[in-house]
Amino acid sequence: MPKNKKVVSDKFPIKRDPKVQKKSKKKKQMKRSKKYVMPQQALISACAAKYAAVLFDPWCEAAVGACVPAYNFRPTQKAHAKIVFTVTIGTGGSGFAMISPCVANDVPTIWYTATTAYAGTTSTNLVTNGVQVSNISASTLPYTSANLVNPELPGQRSNAEARIVGCGLKWRYTGKEVDRGGSFVSYVDPSHQTVENQTSNTLMALNQAVIGQPNANHSLGGSMSIFATNALEQAFPEATTTTDPTTATLAYLYPYSDGVGTLVNDAYGAPVAAVVFNGTSGTSYLCEYIVHVEYIGKVTQTFATPNSADAEGTMLVQSAASSAQTKQASNNGGSMRSYAKASMQEAKREMIDMGHKVAIDAFASILSEGLSAGLKMV
């Protein structure tokens, strides 16, 4: 090495100006403090988060024990029921399941084609006087129609009154592989008008209809959610002032139905949602229906648990769920859960624009606990 070459040792680092050092330290502290500042927004309640779980994935564990976190927030008894059944495509190449959401355990809530005897086609009404159509009730719900309806005493309360938190239907192809084909179309009427006068062809033309096929893209099936569309459907029924059994039935047992089922049976609420399967006669779909219900009344007091009111959380969840239904129809498939995150964020932005302060941390924690995946049958 030449003698005039200077060597700088690592042991003696170059000293920096203390003023510059101080400034850089302050900048780092400011960055750190900005990073950890929490937004000053109110979280939605745990009740609203569970309500969201029901609307986006009613089969998940997080949905059990959910309530409607608005209006009457007195303690309520929470219950849910599942029904598993098989729809069979009839000789005309069609089969279906229609839903009349119900809160009693002894009257029909599902109407469906159980055998190939059903002769309807894609261009005929889903039901004609109930011919070759079976029905089934949610038998594991806690109360009968006698507990819930009291038409003999106008203006008097029943032993129990109920409201639906939410419900849903999912289905999966279970026929032979060689026969796997055709299509299915599902539809929840936006204002809960009856669907029994629809045909498969007319359902396909509706904006909110979801059309799919039993293939890998749709996990061999699909799903739909049904929930309240107005304040009346969210509330517990008022005591009736009539002895007319039809009026009492609709008010107390079928809170989502806008009238009686004229084609199915005029003693029950009209169906508000349907899924129609088109394909080879004899092929089948395994279906699973679930409903979450709240009860109040003198016979429920032993089983009642506390609730909390959260008007903004309820508004947020309902807005997001409606948005997810629209996305589901626009994309012709996907579960409500798959659109949950984006829909909740959109609803949050809309509410903030309207002057509400909301955050969805509680809902995010429910999601992280694990909503059920896809169409796995429970």
Foldseek 3Di string as FASTA:
>chain_A
DDPVDDDDDPVDDDDDDVVVVVVVVVVVVVVVVVVPDDDPFDAFDLLLLLLLLCLFFVPFPSVFPHAQQADDFFFWFKDKFKDKAKAFAAPQQKWKKFAQAWQAQPDFGIKIQRANPDNDHQPAFNFAQAPNIDTHGRNPRDHHVQQFFDLVDFQDGGQKFKAFSKKKKKKAWDFDPVFFWFKKKKDFALLLEFRRRDGNVRRVPDLLIFIGGLDPVFVRIAMHMDHDNDPQRNDIAGGHRHSPQQVRQCRGIRSSAPAACPRNDRNHGGTRMMMMTGTDGGTMMIMMMMTMMIMDHNVTVVNTDGHHHDVLSSQLSVQLSVVLSSVCSVVSGDGSNVSRPVSSVVSCVVVVVVVHGYDHPSSVVSVVVPRDDRRPDD
